[in-house]
N, C-alpha and C. Protein backbone atom coordinates (compact mmCIF):
# COMPACT_ATOMS: atom_id res chain seq x y z
N MET A 1 98.97 116.27 119.63
CA MET A 1 97.80 115.60 120.00
C MET A 1 97.91 115.42 121.68
N ALA A 2 96.64 116.10 121.86
CA ALA A 2 96.28 115.99 123.28
C ALA A 2 96.41 114.46 123.99
N PHE A 3 96.56 114.01 125.22
CA PHE A 3 96.97 112.71 125.86
C PHE A 3 95.36 112.02 125.94
N LYS A 4 94.30 112.84 125.90
CA LYS A 4 93.16 112.51 125.77
C LYS A 4 92.52 111.91 124.20
N THR A 5 93.13 112.60 123.45
CA THR A 5 92.79 112.19 121.97
C THR A 5 93.65 110.72 121.73
N ILE A 6 94.89 110.79 122.41
CA ILE A 6 95.37 109.49 121.81
C ILE A 6 94.90 108.39 122.60
N LYS A 7 94.49 108.78 123.81
CA LYS A 7 93.61 107.75 124.57
C LYS A 7 92.50 107.11 124.03
N ARG A 8 91.69 108.06 123.21
CA ARG A 8 90.48 107.77 122.78
C ARG A 8 90.81 106.85 121.49
N ALA A 9 91.92 107.31 120.99
CA ALA A 9 92.41 106.64 119.72
C ALA A 9 92.66 105.31 120.09
N ILE A 10 93.12 104.82 120.94
CA ILE A 10 93.90 103.74 121.30
C ILE A 10 92.63 102.71 121.78
N ILE A 11 91.70 103.41 122.61
CA ILE A 11 90.53 102.59 122.93
C ILE A 11 89.49 102.36 121.56
N HIS A 12 89.29 103.12 120.75
CA HIS A 12 88.58 103.02 119.46
C HIS A 12 89.26 101.86 118.75
N PHE A 13 90.67 102.15 118.68
CA PHE A 13 91.59 100.73 117.57
C PHE A 13 90.94 99.55 118.19
N PHE A 14 91.21 99.33 119.66
CA PHE A 14 90.83 98.01 120.26
C PHE A 14 89.28 97.55 120.16
N GLN A 15 88.60 98.63 120.44
CA GLN A 15 87.06 98.22 120.06
C GLN A 15 86.98 97.69 118.53
N ARG A 16 87.67 98.37 117.52
CA ARG A 16 87.62 97.89 116.26
C ARG A 16 87.98 96.64 116.19
N ILE A 17 89.07 96.22 116.58
CA ILE A 17 89.69 94.64 116.73
C ILE A 17 88.84 93.95 117.31
N PHE A 18 88.37 94.02 118.66
CA PHE A 18 87.33 93.16 119.10
C PHE A 18 86.04 93.15 118.79
N ARG A 19 85.44 93.93 118.23
CA ARG A 19 84.06 94.15 117.94
C ARG A 19 83.78 94.34 116.59
N GLY A 20 84.63 94.83 115.92
CA GLY A 20 84.04 95.27 114.65
C GLY A 20 84.05 96.85 114.34
N PHE A 21 83.85 97.16 115.45
CA PHE A 21 83.29 98.61 115.34
C PHE A 21 83.78 99.42 116.61
N ASP A 22 83.89 100.77 116.76
CA ASP A 22 83.83 101.54 117.71
C ASP A 22 82.82 102.54 118.29
N ASP A 23 83.04 102.84 119.34
CA ASP A 23 81.79 103.64 120.10
C ASP A 23 81.24 104.75 119.13
N ARG A 24 82.29 105.55 118.17
CA ARG A 24 81.87 106.56 117.29
C ARG A 24 80.72 106.26 116.43
N GLU A 25 80.60 104.90 116.07
CA GLU A 25 79.66 104.54 115.27
C GLU A 25 78.54 104.63 115.58
N THR A 26 78.13 104.74 116.97
CA THR A 26 76.68 104.58 117.62
C THR A 26 76.34 105.67 117.93
N TRP A 27 77.02 106.93 117.93
CA TRP A 27 76.57 108.30 118.04
C TRP A 27 75.40 108.77 117.16
N ASN A 28 75.60 108.52 115.89
CA ASN A 28 74.68 108.66 114.81
C ASN A 28 74.23 107.37 114.20
N LEU A 29 73.76 106.55 115.09
CA LEU A 29 73.70 105.28 114.35
C LEU A 29 72.55 105.17 113.18
N ASP A 30 71.57 106.18 113.21
CA ASP A 30 70.99 106.12 111.91
C ASP A 30 71.72 106.59 110.60
N ARG A 31 72.53 107.45 110.69
CA ARG A 31 73.68 107.80 109.50
C ARG A 31 74.56 106.60 109.40
N THR A 32 74.90 105.77 110.44
CA THR A 32 75.93 104.84 110.29
C THR A 32 75.26 103.57 109.43
N PHE A 33 73.95 103.53 109.63
CA PHE A 33 73.10 102.47 109.17
C PHE A 33 72.75 102.75 107.66
N ALA A 34 72.63 103.99 107.54
CA ALA A 34 72.26 104.29 106.00
C ALA A 34 73.43 104.41 105.09
N LYS A 35 74.85 104.71 105.71
CA LYS A 35 76.10 104.61 105.03
C LYS A 35 76.53 103.34 104.69
N TYR A 36 76.15 102.13 105.74
CA TYR A 36 76.32 100.67 105.27
C TYR A 36 75.28 100.16 104.30
N MET A 37 74.03 100.85 104.27
CA MET A 37 73.19 99.96 103.24
C MET A 37 73.23 100.73 102.07
N ALA A 38 73.24 101.78 101.83
CA ALA A 38 73.22 102.60 100.44
C ALA A 38 74.28 101.34 99.29
N PRO A 39 75.29 101.32 99.90
CA PRO A 39 76.22 100.41 98.68
C PRO A 39 75.58 99.34 98.90
N ARG A 40 75.57 98.42 99.69
CA ARG A 40 75.15 97.28 99.58
C ARG A 40 73.49 97.19 98.59
N LEU A 41 72.72 97.88 98.97
CA LEU A 41 71.26 97.94 98.27
C LEU A 41 71.99 98.03 96.81
N ARG A 42 72.75 98.76 95.98
CA ARG A 42 73.19 99.27 94.88
C ARG A 42 73.57 97.76 94.36
N ARG A 43 74.51 97.33 95.13
CA ARG A 43 75.24 95.84 94.80
C ARG A 43 74.23 94.83 94.60
N PHE A 44 73.12 94.73 95.53
CA PHE A 44 72.40 93.85 95.59
C PHE A 44 71.47 93.99 94.26
N ARG A 45 70.90 94.93 93.99
CA ARG A 45 70.20 95.30 92.90
C ARG A 45 70.94 94.90 91.41
N GLN A 46 72.21 94.86 91.36
CA GLN A 46 73.08 94.40 90.26
C GLN A 46 73.05 93.14 90.19
N LEU A 47 73.15 92.44 91.37
CA LEU A 47 73.44 90.75 91.50
C LEU A 47 72.07 89.97 91.48
N ARG A 48 71.14 90.69 91.96
CA ARG A 48 70.01 90.00 92.20
C ARG A 48 69.51 89.27 90.87
N ASN A 49 68.98 88.23 91.10
CA ASN A 49 68.31 87.18 89.70
C ASN A 49 66.78 86.86 90.26
N THR A 50 66.11 87.30 91.33
CA THR A 50 64.70 86.90 91.66
C THR A 50 64.29 88.17 92.00
N CYS A 51 62.91 87.94 92.56
CA CYS A 51 62.16 89.05 93.43
C CYS A 51 61.07 88.48 94.11
N PRO A 52 60.26 88.85 94.93
CA PRO A 52 59.27 88.45 95.69
C PRO A 52 58.27 87.98 94.59
N PRO A 53 57.36 86.78 94.67
CA PRO A 53 56.74 86.32 93.95
C PRO A 53 55.43 87.12 93.46
N TRP A 54 55.19 88.32 94.46
CA TRP A 54 53.67 89.13 94.12
C TRP A 54 54.11 90.47 93.53
N ILE A 55 55.56 90.65 93.23
CA ILE A 55 56.06 91.68 92.53
C ILE A 55 56.72 91.59 91.27
N GLU A 56 56.36 92.15 89.98
CA GLU A 56 56.98 92.06 89.04
C GLU A 56 58.42 92.61 89.03
N SER A 57 59.16 92.01 88.31
CA SER A 57 60.61 92.53 88.30
C SER A 57 61.15 94.01 88.19
N GLU A 58 60.29 94.34 87.34
CA GLU A 58 60.43 96.02 87.15
C GLU A 58 59.97 96.80 88.25
N LYS A 59 58.78 96.45 88.83
CA LYS A 59 58.70 97.02 90.16
C LYS A 59 59.23 96.86 91.47
N TRP A 60 60.18 95.75 91.54
CA TRP A 60 61.00 95.15 92.71
C TRP A 60 62.24 95.98 92.17
N ASP A 61 62.85 96.53 90.98
CA ASP A 61 63.75 97.40 90.75
C ASP A 61 63.52 98.86 91.13
N GLU A 62 62.08 99.16 91.01
CA GLU A 62 61.93 100.63 91.37
C GLU A 62 61.54 100.64 92.84
N TYR A 63 61.53 99.70 93.29
CA TYR A 63 61.57 99.59 95.03
C TYR A 63 62.71 99.79 95.38
N LEU A 64 63.43 98.97 94.89
CA LEU A 64 65.01 98.97 95.37
C LEU A 64 65.46 100.36 94.97
N GLY A 65 65.19 101.02 94.04
CA GLY A 65 65.67 102.31 93.79
C GLY A 65 65.50 103.41 94.90
N LEU A 66 64.20 103.41 95.30
CA LEU A 66 63.40 104.15 96.19
C LEU A 66 64.19 103.80 97.62
N MET A 67 64.51 102.69 98.02
CA MET A 67 65.42 102.11 99.03
C MET A 67 66.63 102.92 99.01
N ILE A 68 67.20 102.71 97.93
CA ILE A 68 68.67 103.25 97.94
C ILE A 68 68.77 104.74 97.92
N ASP A 69 67.81 105.33 97.06
CA ASP A 69 67.75 106.86 97.19
C ASP A 69 67.42 107.25 99.00
N ALA A 70 66.51 106.84 99.31
CA ALA A 70 66.13 107.05 100.78
C ALA A 70 67.73 106.93 101.70
N PHE A 71 68.29 105.93 101.65
CA PHE A 71 69.51 105.31 102.19
C PHE A 71 70.74 106.29 101.89
N GLU A 72 70.80 106.83 100.68
CA GLU A 72 71.66 107.79 100.11
C GLU A 72 71.58 109.13 100.45
N PHE A 73 70.19 109.45 100.82
CA PHE A 73 69.82 110.76 101.38
C PHE A 73 70.31 110.89 103.18
N TYR A 74 69.68 110.38 103.59
CA TYR A 74 70.17 109.77 104.85
C TYR A 74 71.66 109.56 105.33
N SER A 75 72.46 109.07 104.65
CA SER A 75 73.86 109.24 104.58
C SER A 75 74.67 110.38 104.20
N SER A 76 73.76 111.22 103.37
CA SER A 76 74.61 112.55 102.94
C SER A 76 74.50 113.47 103.94
N ASP A 77 75.34 114.80 103.31
CA ASP A 77 75.17 115.94 103.88
C ASP A 77 73.86 116.82 103.81
N ALA A 78 73.33 116.35 102.85
CA ALA A 78 71.78 116.83 102.52
C ALA A 78 71.00 117.09 103.68
N ILE A 79 70.95 116.21 104.61
CA ILE A 79 69.92 116.26 105.64
C ILE A 79 70.15 117.12 106.39
N TYR A 80 71.38 117.69 106.60
CA TYR A 80 71.57 119.14 107.37
C TYR A 80 70.78 120.51 106.89
N ASP A 81 70.37 120.20 105.43
CA ASP A 81 69.62 121.16 105.15
C ASP A 81 68.45 121.31 104.51
N ALA A 82 67.99 119.92 104.81
CA ALA A 82 66.88 119.36 103.94
C ALA A 82 65.36 120.15 104.84
N THR A 83 64.66 120.01 104.20
CA THR A 83 63.19 120.49 104.61
C THR A 83 62.38 119.24 104.97
N GLU A 84 60.94 119.47 105.79
CA GLU A 84 60.34 118.35 105.85
C GLU A 84 59.93 117.73 104.55
N GLN A 85 59.80 118.59 103.82
CA GLN A 85 59.28 117.72 102.14
C GLN A 85 60.53 116.72 101.72
N ASP A 86 61.72 117.53 101.96
CA ASP A 86 62.84 116.46 101.37
C ASP A 86 62.70 115.02 102.39
N PHE A 87 62.45 115.12 103.55
CA PHE A 87 62.25 114.09 104.55
C PHE A 87 61.24 113.16 103.99
N ALA A 88 60.00 113.92 103.92
CA ALA A 88 58.70 113.10 103.43
C ALA A 88 58.88 112.27 102.37
N LYS A 89 59.98 112.82 101.28
CA LYS A 89 60.26 112.26 99.85
C LYS A 89 61.03 110.71 100.18
N HIS A 90 61.69 110.85 101.12
CA HIS A 90 62.50 109.68 101.37
C HIS A 90 61.69 108.39 102.21
N VAL A 91 60.51 109.00 103.01
CA VAL A 91 59.59 108.00 103.69
C VAL A 91 59.39 106.86 103.10
N GLU A 92 59.03 106.64 101.89
CA GLU A 92 58.41 105.61 101.21
C GLU A 92 59.66 104.73 101.22
N GLY A 93 60.91 105.06 100.89
CA GLY A 93 61.76 104.22 100.39
C GLY A 93 62.08 103.38 101.94
N LEU A 94 61.95 104.50 103.24
CA LEU A 94 62.63 103.55 104.27
C LEU A 94 61.38 102.51 104.76
N GLU A 95 59.98 102.77 104.34
CA GLU A 95 59.08 102.14 104.35
C GLU A 95 58.97 100.68 103.59
N LEU A 96 59.43 100.96 102.33
CA LEU A 96 59.77 99.75 101.55
C LEU A 96 60.42 98.74 102.07
N PHE A 97 61.94 99.16 102.36
CA PHE A 97 62.96 98.53 103.01
C PHE A 97 62.36 97.86 104.14
N ALA A 98 61.56 98.45 105.40
CA ALA A 98 61.10 97.73 106.24
C ALA A 98 59.85 96.52 105.85
N GLU A 99 59.37 97.02 105.04
CA GLU A 99 58.13 95.80 104.74
C GLU A 99 58.74 94.63 103.91
N ASN A 100 60.06 94.79 103.02
CA ASN A 100 60.64 94.02 102.44
C ASN A 100 61.92 93.49 103.09
N TYR A 101 62.08 93.77 103.93
CA TYR A 101 63.32 93.27 104.81
C TYR A 101 63.68 91.96 104.46
N ASN A 102 62.70 91.15 104.61
CA ASN A 102 63.04 89.37 104.59
C ASN A 102 63.07 89.28 103.04
N HIS A 103 63.05 90.08 102.18
CA HIS A 103 63.09 89.59 100.82
C HIS A 103 64.50 90.13 100.14
N LEU A 104 65.17 90.66 101.01
CA LEU A 104 66.57 91.03 100.37
C LEU A 104 67.65 90.05 100.46
N TRP A 105 67.09 89.15 99.50
CA TRP A 105 68.27 87.85 99.39
C TRP A 105 68.20 87.32 97.88
N TRP A 106 69.01 86.83 97.28
CA TRP A 106 69.16 86.35 95.89
C TRP A 106 69.72 85.02 95.94
């Protein structure tokens, strides 16, 4: 290992200890968020016992599914070979996430 690589590994180690993350996570922040959100939304959908009052439970489940699909797509390697149609397919899930952000609690 080159000295520069070892130095960088040490710096990242201390960043994770003091901040909880290192600078590498900010390089592709969109993918970092997607990787973080997808499994948490899946678990949220399993645990939830309520939904926003204006949405029926089945519809809320559908919305959560679209959000999960969008974050899984953005955190996967599929984005590297994706077409504009692939991206457009997941826009609705991201929009639903933004619109319902303050309702993601149980």
